Amino acid sequence: MAAPFDTRPVRLLCQDESRFGILPTTRRRITASGVKPIAQVDYHYHWFYLYGAVEPLTGEHFLLELPQLNADNFQIFLDQLSCANSESLNVMLLDNGRFHRANSLIIPQNIVLIFLPPYSPELNPIERFWQDIKQRLFDRTYPTLSQMQLRLTQILRQYENEVIQSLTSFSYFLHTANAL
């Protein structure tokens, strides 16, 4: 006897991660002619990652801030996304990062992964969302990472689904999604 059809609604999501961080920069100083200023500089780069999935058809999105880019954190993201969208079958387009294909991953039953061709970030609609966030975020400098995280949170709260939809609804994607 054949298994019954899955009656859950299908959501087509685009997934990616983006790194946000602070790299201290040295600045010019006014000194006497021929004298170079001496200053201590901390060259440590501080960062975090924003894992995200957007639905270009509706603009609905799911974001999770995590400290590193690895299979363990991707597993956390998948589990949280699965719980947040438990009533639907979530088909997710993503790149070919090693951590996306790790053998240790346990893909939740309501998530299906579809991998984009290698080296083709231009095909992933969420890339325009990251670009828009960074354009808004980096209109100033941040003395600490926590100040940048606070500003990023403020920016993310300003996004409405319609704005995300307009950023991510590529024509090729809409035609494909409607064909499904």
N, C-alpha and C. Protein backbone atom coordinates (compact mmCIF):
# COMPACT_ATOMS: atom_id res chain seq x y z
N MET A 1 0.84 -1.18 0.00
CA MET A 1 0.00 0.00 0.00
C MET A 1 0.89 1.24 0.00
N ALA A 2 0.60 2.17 -0.87
CA ALA A 2 1.39 3.39 -1.00
C ALA A 2 1.15 4.32 0.19
N ALA A 3 2.21 5.03 0.56
CA ALA A 3 2.10 6.00 1.66
C ALA A 3 1.25 7.18 1.21
N PRO A 4 0.46 7.75 2.12
CA PRO A 4 -0.36 8.91 1.74
C PRO A 4 0.52 10.12 1.41
N PHE A 5 -0.02 10.97 0.58
CA PHE A 5 0.69 12.18 0.22
C PHE A 5 0.87 13.09 1.44
N ASP A 6 1.96 13.81 1.44
CA ASP A 6 2.22 14.78 2.51
C ASP A 6 1.32 15.99 2.26
N THR A 7 0.49 16.32 3.22
CA THR A 7 -0.47 17.40 3.04
C THR A 7 0.00 18.72 3.66
N ARG A 8 1.21 18.72 4.22
CA ARG A 8 1.72 19.96 4.80
C ARG A 8 1.98 21.00 3.71
N PRO A 9 1.80 22.28 4.02
CA PRO A 9 2.16 23.31 3.04
C PRO A 9 3.67 23.29 2.80
N VAL A 10 4.06 23.59 1.58
CA VAL A 10 5.48 23.60 1.21
C VAL A 10 5.97 25.04 1.20
N ARG A 11 7.08 25.27 1.87
CA ARG A 11 7.72 26.60 1.86
C ARG A 11 9.07 26.45 1.17
N LEU A 12 9.36 27.36 0.26
CA LEU A 12 10.63 27.36 -0.46
C LEU A 12 11.50 28.45 0.13
N LEU A 13 12.57 28.06 0.81
CA LEU A 13 13.43 28.98 1.54
C LEU A 13 14.81 29.04 0.90
N CYS A 14 15.48 30.17 1.07
CA CYS A 14 16.86 30.33 0.66
C CYS A 14 17.68 30.56 1.92
N GLN A 15 18.77 29.82 2.07
CA GLN A 15 19.54 29.86 3.31
C GLN A 15 20.98 30.26 3.03
N ASP A 16 21.56 30.99 3.97
CA ASP A 16 22.97 31.35 3.90
C ASP A 16 23.39 31.90 5.25
N GLU A 17 24.68 32.14 5.39
CA GLU A 17 25.24 32.75 6.59
C GLU A 17 26.05 33.97 6.16
N SER A 18 26.17 34.91 7.08
CA SER A 18 26.98 36.09 6.80
C SER A 18 27.77 36.45 8.06
N ARG A 19 29.02 36.84 7.86
CA ARG A 19 29.88 37.21 8.99
C ARG A 19 29.82 38.72 9.20
N PHE A 20 29.73 39.10 10.47
CA PHE A 20 29.74 40.51 10.86
C PHE A 20 30.83 40.67 11.90
N GLY A 21 31.68 41.66 11.72
CA GLY A 21 32.75 41.81 12.68
C GLY A 21 33.42 43.16 12.66
N ILE A 22 34.36 43.28 13.60
CA ILE A 22 35.11 44.52 13.78
C ILE A 22 36.58 44.22 13.62
N LEU A 23 37.22 44.93 12.72
CA LEU A 23 38.66 44.87 12.53
C LEU A 23 39.20 46.25 12.86
N PRO A 24 39.97 46.36 13.92
CA PRO A 24 40.50 47.69 14.28
C PRO A 24 41.31 48.28 13.13
N THR A 25 41.16 49.58 12.94
CA THR A 25 41.89 50.26 11.88
C THR A 25 42.77 51.34 12.48
N THR A 26 43.89 51.57 11.83
CA THR A 26 44.74 52.67 12.26
C THR A 26 44.32 53.91 11.48
N ARG A 27 44.45 55.03 12.10
CA ARG A 27 44.02 56.29 11.49
C ARG A 27 45.22 57.24 11.39
N ARG A 28 45.11 58.21 10.55
CA ARG A 28 46.16 59.23 10.41
C ARG A 28 46.20 60.11 11.64
N ARG A 29 47.38 60.54 11.98
CA ARG A 29 47.57 61.46 13.10
C ARG A 29 48.41 62.63 12.63
N ILE A 30 48.16 63.78 13.19
CA ILE A 30 48.96 64.95 12.86
C ILE A 30 50.17 64.96 13.78
N THR A 31 51.34 64.97 13.16
CA THR A 31 52.60 65.03 13.91
C THR A 31 53.54 66.00 13.21
N ALA A 32 54.65 66.23 13.83
CA ALA A 32 55.68 67.08 13.20
C ALA A 32 56.17 66.40 11.93
N SER A 33 56.64 67.19 10.99
CA SER A 33 57.11 66.67 9.72
C SER A 33 58.22 65.64 9.95
N GLY A 34 58.07 64.49 9.34
CA GLY A 34 59.06 63.44 9.44
C GLY A 34 58.95 62.56 10.67
N VAL A 35 58.01 62.85 11.55
CA VAL A 35 57.84 62.06 12.77
C VAL A 35 56.62 61.14 12.60
N LYS A 36 56.86 59.85 12.77
CA LYS A 36 55.76 58.90 12.67
C LYS A 36 55.16 58.68 14.05
N PRO A 37 53.83 58.73 14.16
CA PRO A 37 53.21 58.51 15.47
C PRO A 37 53.35 57.04 15.90
N ILE A 38 53.43 56.83 17.17
CA ILE A 38 53.50 55.49 17.73
C ILE A 38 52.22 55.26 18.52
N ALA A 39 51.57 54.14 18.25
CA ALA A 39 50.32 53.83 18.95
C ALA A 39 50.19 52.32 19.06
N GLN A 40 49.56 51.88 20.13
CA GLN A 40 49.26 50.47 20.27
C GLN A 40 48.00 50.15 19.48
N VAL A 41 48.04 49.03 18.78
CA VAL A 41 46.89 48.60 18.00
C VAL A 41 46.62 47.14 18.31
N ASP A 42 45.38 46.82 18.55
CA ASP A 42 44.96 45.44 18.77
C ASP A 42 44.44 44.91 17.45
N TYR A 43 45.20 44.00 16.84
CA TYR A 43 44.84 43.51 15.51
C TYR A 43 43.95 42.27 15.56
N HIS A 44 43.27 42.06 16.64
CA HIS A 44 42.35 40.92 16.72
C HIS A 44 41.04 41.28 16.02
N TYR A 45 40.61 40.36 15.20
CA TYR A 45 39.35 40.54 14.48
C TYR A 45 38.27 39.84 15.29
N HIS A 46 37.24 40.55 15.68
CA HIS A 46 36.13 40.01 16.47
C HIS A 46 34.90 39.91 15.57
N TRP A 47 34.22 38.78 15.60
CA TRP A 47 33.09 38.59 14.70
C TRP A 47 32.07 37.62 15.27
N PHE A 48 30.95 37.55 14.56
CA PHE A 48 29.90 36.56 14.81
C PHE A 48 29.23 36.31 13.47
N TYR A 49 28.40 35.29 13.43
CA TYR A 49 27.71 34.93 12.19
C TYR A 49 26.21 35.05 12.37
N LEU A 50 25.57 35.48 11.32
CA LEU A 50 24.12 35.50 11.27
C LEU A 50 23.69 34.43 10.27
N TYR A 51 23.02 33.40 10.77
CA TYR A 51 22.47 32.35 9.93
C TYR A 51 21.06 32.79 9.56
N GLY A 52 20.69 32.63 8.31
CA GLY A 52 19.37 33.09 7.92
C GLY A 52 18.72 32.23 6.85
N ALA A 53 17.40 32.27 6.85
CA ALA A 53 16.60 31.64 5.80
C ALA A 53 15.46 32.60 5.48
N VAL A 54 15.26 32.88 4.21
CA VAL A 54 14.17 33.76 3.78
C VAL A 54 13.30 33.01 2.78
N GLU A 55 12.02 33.38 2.78
CA GLU A 55 11.09 32.85 1.80
C GLU A 55 10.79 33.97 0.82
N PRO A 56 11.42 33.97 -0.36
CA PRO A 56 11.25 35.07 -1.30
C PRO A 56 9.81 35.33 -1.73
N LEU A 57 8.95 34.31 -1.72
CA LEU A 57 7.57 34.52 -2.14
C LEU A 57 6.78 35.39 -1.16
N THR A 58 7.14 35.33 0.13
CA THR A 58 6.39 36.07 1.15
C THR A 58 7.23 37.08 1.92
N GLY A 59 8.55 36.90 1.90
CA GLY A 59 9.41 37.76 2.70
C GLY A 59 9.57 37.29 4.13
N GLU A 60 8.88 36.22 4.49
CA GLU A 60 9.05 35.69 5.84
C GLU A 60 10.48 35.20 6.00
N HIS A 61 11.01 35.31 7.21
CA HIS A 61 12.41 35.00 7.42
C HIS A 61 12.66 34.45 8.82
N PHE A 62 13.77 33.76 8.95
CA PHE A 62 14.20 33.20 10.23
C PHE A 62 15.69 33.46 10.34
N LEU A 63 16.11 34.15 11.41
CA LEU A 63 17.51 34.51 11.60
C LEU A 63 17.98 34.04 12.97
N LEU A 64 19.24 33.64 13.03
CA LEU A 64 19.81 33.17 14.28
C LEU A 64 21.28 33.58 14.33
N GLU A 65 21.66 34.29 15.39
CA GLU A 65 23.05 34.72 15.57
C GLU A 65 23.81 33.62 16.31
N LEU A 66 24.94 33.21 15.73
CA LEU A 66 25.77 32.17 16.34
C LEU A 66 27.24 32.59 16.24
N PRO A 67 28.09 32.06 17.13
CA PRO A 67 29.47 32.56 17.19
C PRO A 67 30.39 32.07 16.08
N GLN A 68 30.13 30.92 15.50
CA GLN A 68 31.04 30.37 14.50
C GLN A 68 30.27 29.77 13.33
N LEU A 69 31.03 29.52 12.28
CA LEU A 69 30.47 28.90 11.08
C LEU A 69 30.98 27.47 11.03
N ASN A 70 30.15 26.52 11.47
CA ASN A 70 30.55 25.12 11.48
C ASN A 70 29.31 24.24 11.49
N ALA A 71 29.54 22.93 11.41
CA ALA A 71 28.43 21.98 11.33
C ALA A 71 27.59 21.97 12.61
N ASP A 72 28.23 22.13 13.77
CA ASP A 72 27.49 22.13 15.03
C ASP A 72 26.49 23.28 15.09
N ASN A 73 26.95 24.47 14.69
CA ASN A 73 26.05 25.63 14.70
C ASN A 73 25.00 25.53 13.60
N PHE A 74 25.36 24.94 12.46
CA PHE A 74 24.37 24.74 11.40
C PHE A 74 23.29 23.78 11.87
N GLN A 75 23.68 22.77 12.65
CA GLN A 75 22.71 21.85 13.22
C GLN A 75 21.74 22.57 14.15
N ILE A 76 22.28 23.48 14.97
CA ILE A 76 21.43 24.28 15.86
C ILE A 76 20.44 25.10 15.03
N PHE A 77 20.94 25.71 13.95
CA PHE A 77 20.07 26.50 13.08
C PHE A 77 18.97 25.64 12.48
N LEU A 78 19.33 24.47 11.95
CA LEU A 78 18.32 23.58 11.35
C LEU A 78 17.26 23.17 12.37
N ASP A 79 17.71 22.82 13.58
CA ASP A 79 16.76 22.40 14.61
C ASP A 79 15.81 23.52 15.00
N GLN A 80 16.34 24.73 15.14
CA GLN A 80 15.50 25.88 15.51
C GLN A 80 14.53 26.22 14.38
N LEU A 81 15.02 26.19 13.15
CA LEU A 81 14.16 26.46 11.98
C LEU A 81 13.06 25.42 11.89
N SER A 82 13.40 24.17 12.11
CA SER A 82 12.42 23.10 12.06
C SER A 82 11.32 23.30 13.10
N CYS A 83 11.72 23.68 14.31
CA CYS A 83 10.72 23.92 15.37
C CYS A 83 9.85 25.13 15.05
N ALA A 84 10.46 26.18 14.53
CA ALA A 84 9.71 27.41 14.23
C ALA A 84 8.73 27.21 13.08
N ASN A 85 9.01 26.27 12.18
CA ASN A 85 8.16 26.01 11.01
C ASN A 85 7.73 24.56 10.98
N SER A 86 7.27 24.06 12.11
CA SER A 86 6.97 22.64 12.25
C SER A 86 5.74 22.20 11.44
N GLU A 87 4.88 23.12 11.08
CA GLU A 87 3.65 22.76 10.37
C GLU A 87 3.83 22.68 8.86
N SER A 88 5.04 22.98 8.36
CA SER A 88 5.24 22.99 6.92
C SER A 88 6.42 22.11 6.53
N LEU A 89 6.46 21.74 5.25
CA LEU A 89 7.62 21.08 4.67
C LEU A 89 8.49 22.19 4.11
N ASN A 90 9.71 22.33 4.61
CA ASN A 90 10.59 23.44 4.28
C ASN A 90 11.68 23.00 3.32
N VAL A 91 11.52 23.37 2.05
CA VAL A 91 12.51 23.07 1.03
C VAL A 91 13.49 24.23 1.03
N MET A 92 14.77 23.93 1.26
CA MET A 92 15.74 25.00 1.47
C MET A 92 16.88 24.93 0.46
N LEU A 93 17.06 26.03 -0.29
CA LEU A 93 18.18 26.17 -1.21
C LEU A 93 19.37 26.73 -0.44
N LEU A 94 20.55 26.14 -0.64
CA LEU A 94 21.73 26.63 0.05
C LEU A 94 22.98 26.30 -0.74
N ASP A 95 24.09 26.92 -0.33
CA ASP A 95 25.35 26.71 -1.04
C ASP A 95 25.99 25.39 -0.61
N ASN A 96 27.17 25.13 -1.12
CA ASN A 96 27.84 23.85 -0.90
C ASN A 96 28.90 23.91 0.19
N GLY A 97 28.69 24.72 1.22
CA GLY A 97 29.66 24.77 2.31
C GLY A 97 29.87 23.38 2.91
N ARG A 98 31.11 23.10 3.33
CA ARG A 98 31.41 21.77 3.90
C ARG A 98 30.51 21.45 5.08
N PHE A 99 30.25 22.46 5.90
CA PHE A 99 29.43 22.24 7.09
C PHE A 99 27.98 21.96 6.74
N HIS A 100 27.53 22.34 5.53
CA HIS A 100 26.17 22.03 5.09
C HIS A 100 26.03 20.55 4.72
N ARG A 101 27.16 19.91 4.41
CA ARG A 101 27.14 18.52 3.97
C ARG A 101 27.82 17.59 4.97
N ALA A 102 28.06 18.06 6.17
CA ALA A 102 28.77 17.26 7.17
C ALA A 102 28.01 15.97 7.48
N ASN A 103 28.75 14.89 7.64
CA ASN A 103 28.14 13.59 7.94
C ASN A 103 27.45 13.59 9.30
N SER A 104 27.88 14.48 10.19
CA SER A 104 27.31 14.51 11.53
C SER A 104 25.93 15.19 11.59
N LEU A 105 25.53 15.84 10.50
CA LEU A 105 24.23 16.54 10.50
C LEU A 105 23.07 15.55 10.54
N ILE A 106 22.07 15.92 11.30
CA ILE A 106 20.81 15.18 11.33
C ILE A 106 19.74 16.15 10.80
N ILE A 107 19.35 15.93 9.56
CA ILE A 107 18.39 16.84 8.91
C ILE A 107 17.01 16.53 9.45
N PRO A 108 16.33 17.53 10.02
CA PRO A 108 14.95 17.31 10.52
C PRO A 108 14.04 16.83 9.39
N GLN A 109 13.01 16.08 9.77
CA GLN A 109 12.12 15.48 8.79
C GLN A 109 11.32 16.49 7.99
N ASN A 110 11.15 17.70 8.51
CA ASN A 110 10.37 18.69 7.77
C ASN A 110 11.26 19.66 6.99
N ILE A 111 12.53 19.30 6.79
CA ILE A 111 13.45 20.12 6.00
C ILE A 111 14.06 19.27 4.91
N VAL A 112 14.05 19.82 3.68
CA VAL A 112 14.69 19.18 2.53
C VAL A 112 15.74 20.16 2.01
N LEU A 113 16.98 19.69 1.87
CA LEU A 113 18.07 20.55 1.39
C LEU A 113 18.28 20.35 -0.10
N ILE A 114 18.37 21.47 -0.83
CA ILE A 114 18.70 21.45 -2.25
C ILE A 114 19.91 22.37 -2.41
N PHE A 115 20.98 21.82 -2.96
CA PHE A 115 22.22 22.57 -3.06
C PHE A 115 22.34 23.28 -4.41
N LEU A 116 22.74 24.54 -4.35
CA LEU A 116 22.99 25.32 -5.55
C LEU A 116 24.30 24.87 -6.19
N PRO A 117 24.53 25.18 -7.45
CA PRO A 117 25.82 24.82 -8.08
C PRO A 117 26.97 25.49 -7.33
N PRO A 118 28.15 24.87 -7.35
CA PRO A 118 29.30 25.47 -6.66
C PRO A 118 29.64 26.85 -7.23
N TYR A 119 30.13 27.70 -6.35
CA TYR A 119 30.61 29.05 -6.71
C TYR A 119 29.56 29.86 -7.45
N SER A 120 28.33 29.87 -6.95
CA SER A 120 27.27 30.63 -7.61
C SER A 120 26.44 31.42 -6.59
N PRO A 121 27.08 32.29 -5.80
CA PRO A 121 26.31 33.04 -4.81
C PRO A 121 25.26 33.95 -5.44
N GLU A 122 25.46 34.32 -6.70
CA GLU A 122 24.49 35.20 -7.36
C GLU A 122 23.14 34.53 -7.57
N LEU A 123 23.08 33.20 -7.43
CA LEU A 123 21.82 32.49 -7.58
C LEU A 123 21.02 32.43 -6.29
N ASN A 124 21.64 32.78 -5.19
CA ASN A 124 20.97 32.69 -3.90
C ASN A 124 20.36 34.04 -3.53
N PRO A 125 19.05 34.16 -3.53
CA PRO A 125 18.39 35.44 -3.27
C PRO A 125 18.72 36.08 -1.92
N ILE A 126 19.08 35.30 -0.92
CA ILE A 126 19.36 35.88 0.39
C ILE A 126 20.61 36.76 0.36
N GLU A 127 21.46 36.59 -0.64
CA GLU A 127 22.67 37.42 -0.74
C GLU A 127 22.32 38.90 -0.83
N ARG A 128 21.22 39.23 -1.51
CA ARG A 128 20.82 40.65 -1.59
C ARG A 128 20.33 41.15 -0.24
N PHE A 129 19.75 40.30 0.56
CA PHE A 129 19.34 40.67 1.91
C PHE A 129 20.57 41.00 2.75
N TRP A 130 21.60 40.14 2.69
CA TRP A 130 22.84 40.42 3.44
C TRP A 130 23.45 41.74 2.98
N GLN A 131 23.46 41.97 1.69
CA GLN A 131 24.03 43.20 1.15
C GLN A 131 23.29 44.43 1.69
N ASP A 132 21.98 44.36 1.74
CA ASP A 132 21.19 45.48 2.24
C ASP A 132 21.44 45.71 3.73
N ILE A 133 21.53 44.64 4.49
CA ILE A 133 21.81 44.78 5.93
C ILE A 133 23.16 45.46 6.13
N LYS A 134 24.18 45.00 5.43
CA LYS A 134 25.53 45.55 5.60
C LYS A 134 25.61 47.01 5.16
N GLN A 135 24.85 47.35 4.13
CA GLN A 135 24.83 48.75 3.70
C GLN A 135 24.26 49.64 4.80
N ARG A 136 23.24 49.18 5.49
CA ARG A 136 22.65 49.95 6.58
C ARG A 136 23.52 49.93 7.83
N LEU A 137 24.17 48.80 8.09
CA LEU A 137 24.95 48.63 9.31
C LEU A 137 26.26 49.39 9.27
N PHE A 138 26.93 49.38 8.15
CA PHE A 138 28.28 49.94 8.09
C PHE A 138 28.31 51.37 7.58
N ASP A 139 27.30 52.15 7.96
CA ASP A 139 27.34 53.58 7.68
C ASP A 139 28.08 54.32 8.79
N ARG A 140 28.60 53.57 9.75
CA ARG A 140 29.38 54.11 10.86
C ARG A 140 30.33 53.03 11.36
N THR A 141 31.23 53.42 12.25
CA THR A 141 32.14 52.45 12.86
C THR A 141 31.67 52.14 14.27
N TYR A 142 32.08 51.01 14.78
CA TYR A 142 31.66 50.55 16.10
C TYR A 142 32.89 50.25 16.94
N PRO A 143 32.95 50.86 18.14
CA PRO A 143 34.11 50.60 18.99
C PRO A 143 34.15 49.18 19.56
N THR A 144 32.99 48.57 19.75
CA THR A 144 32.94 47.21 20.30
C THR A 144 31.98 46.35 19.49
N LEU A 145 32.20 45.05 19.58
CA LEU A 145 31.34 44.11 18.87
C LEU A 145 29.92 44.14 19.43
N SER A 146 29.79 44.32 20.74
CA SER A 146 28.44 44.35 21.34
C SER A 146 27.65 45.56 20.84
N GLN A 147 28.31 46.67 20.59
CA GLN A 147 27.60 47.83 20.03
C GLN A 147 27.13 47.55 18.61
N MET A 148 27.98 46.83 17.85
CA MET A 148 27.57 46.45 16.49
C MET A 148 26.38 45.49 16.55
N GLN A 149 26.40 44.54 17.46
CA GLN A 149 25.30 43.58 17.59
C GLN A 149 24.01 44.30 17.97
N LEU A 150 24.10 45.27 18.84
CA LEU A 150 22.92 46.04 19.23
C LEU A 150 22.36 46.79 18.03
N ARG A 151 23.22 47.43 17.25
CA ARG A 151 22.77 48.16 16.06
C ARG A 151 22.18 47.20 15.03
N LEU A 152 22.79 46.03 14.87
CA LEU A 152 22.26 45.05 13.93
C LEU A 152 20.86 44.60 14.34
N THR A 153 20.66 44.39 15.61
CA THR A 153 19.34 44.01 16.12
C THR A 153 18.31 45.10 15.80
N GLN A 154 18.69 46.35 15.98
CA GLN A 154 17.78 47.46 15.66
C GLN A 154 17.43 47.47 14.17
N ILE A 155 18.43 47.25 13.33
CA ILE A 155 18.21 47.24 11.88
C ILE A 155 17.29 46.09 11.49
N LEU A 156 17.55 44.91 12.04
CA LEU A 156 16.73 43.74 11.68
C LEU A 156 15.28 43.90 12.09
N ARG A 157 15.04 44.58 13.18
CA ARG A 157 13.66 44.81 13.62
C ARG A 157 12.90 45.75 12.69
N GLN A 158 13.61 46.55 11.91
CA GLN A 158 12.98 47.48 10.99
C GLN A 158 12.50 46.80 9.70
N TYR A 159 13.02 45.63 9.41
CA TYR A 159 12.64 44.95 8.17
C TYR A 159 11.23 44.38 8.28
N GLU A 160 10.43 44.71 7.29
CA GLU A 160 9.11 44.11 7.16
C GLU A 160 9.18 43.07 6.06
N ASN A 161 8.28 42.13 6.09
CA ASN A 161 8.29 41.05 5.10
C ASN A 161 8.24 41.56 3.67
N GLU A 162 7.53 42.64 3.43
CA GLU A 162 7.42 43.19 2.07
C GLU A 162 8.77 43.67 1.56
N VAL A 163 9.58 44.25 2.43
CA VAL A 163 10.91 44.73 2.03
C VAL A 163 11.81 43.55 1.70
N ILE A 164 11.78 42.53 2.53
CA ILE A 164 12.60 41.34 2.28
C ILE A 164 12.14 40.65 1.00
N GLN A 165 10.84 40.62 0.79
CA GLN A 165 10.31 40.03 -0.44
C GLN A 165 10.82 40.78 -1.66
N SER A 166 10.82 42.10 -1.61
CA SER A 166 11.28 42.88 -2.76
C SER A 166 12.77 42.69 -3.00
N LEU A 167 13.54 42.45 -1.95
CA LEU A 167 14.98 42.23 -2.11
C LEU A 167 15.30 40.85 -2.66
N THR A 168 14.52 39.85 -2.31
CA THR A 168 14.89 38.47 -2.61
C THR A 168 14.07 37.78 -3.69
N SER A 169 13.04 38.40 -4.19
CA SER A 169 12.18 37.70 -5.16
C SER A 169 12.71 37.88 -6.59
N PHE A 170 13.76 37.12 -6.90
CA PHE A 170 14.32 37.09 -8.25
C PHE A 170 13.29 36.50 -9.19
N SER A 171 13.26 36.96 -10.43
CA SER A 171 12.26 36.47 -11.38
C SER A 171 12.42 34.97 -11.64
N TYR A 172 13.67 34.49 -11.78
CA TYR A 172 13.87 33.06 -12.03
C TYR A 172 13.34 32.24 -10.86
N PHE A 173 13.51 32.77 -9.67
CA PHE A 173 13.08 32.06 -8.48
C PHE A 173 11.56 32.00 -8.40
N LEU A 174 10.92 33.11 -8.69
CA LEU A 174 9.46 33.16 -8.65
C LEU A 174 8.84 32.20 -9.67
N HIS A 175 9.42 32.15 -10.88
CA HIS A 175 8.90 31.24 -11.92
C HIS A 175 9.05 29.79 -11.46
N THR A 176 10.20 29.47 -10.88
CA THR A 176 10.43 28.10 -10.41
C THR A 176 9.49 27.75 -9.26
N ALA A 177 9.36 28.66 -8.30
CA ALA A 177 8.50 28.40 -7.14
C ALA A 177 7.05 28.24 -7.56
N ASN A 178 6.60 29.05 -8.49
CA ASN A 178 5.21 28.95 -8.95
C ASN A 178 4.97 27.66 -9.74
N ALA A 179 6.03 27.15 -10.38
CA ALA A 179 5.90 25.89 -11.13
C ALA A 179 5.72 24.70 -10.19
N LEU A 180 6.25 24.86 -8.98
CA LEU A 180 6.11 23.76 -8.00
C LEU A 180 4.67 23.66 -7.56
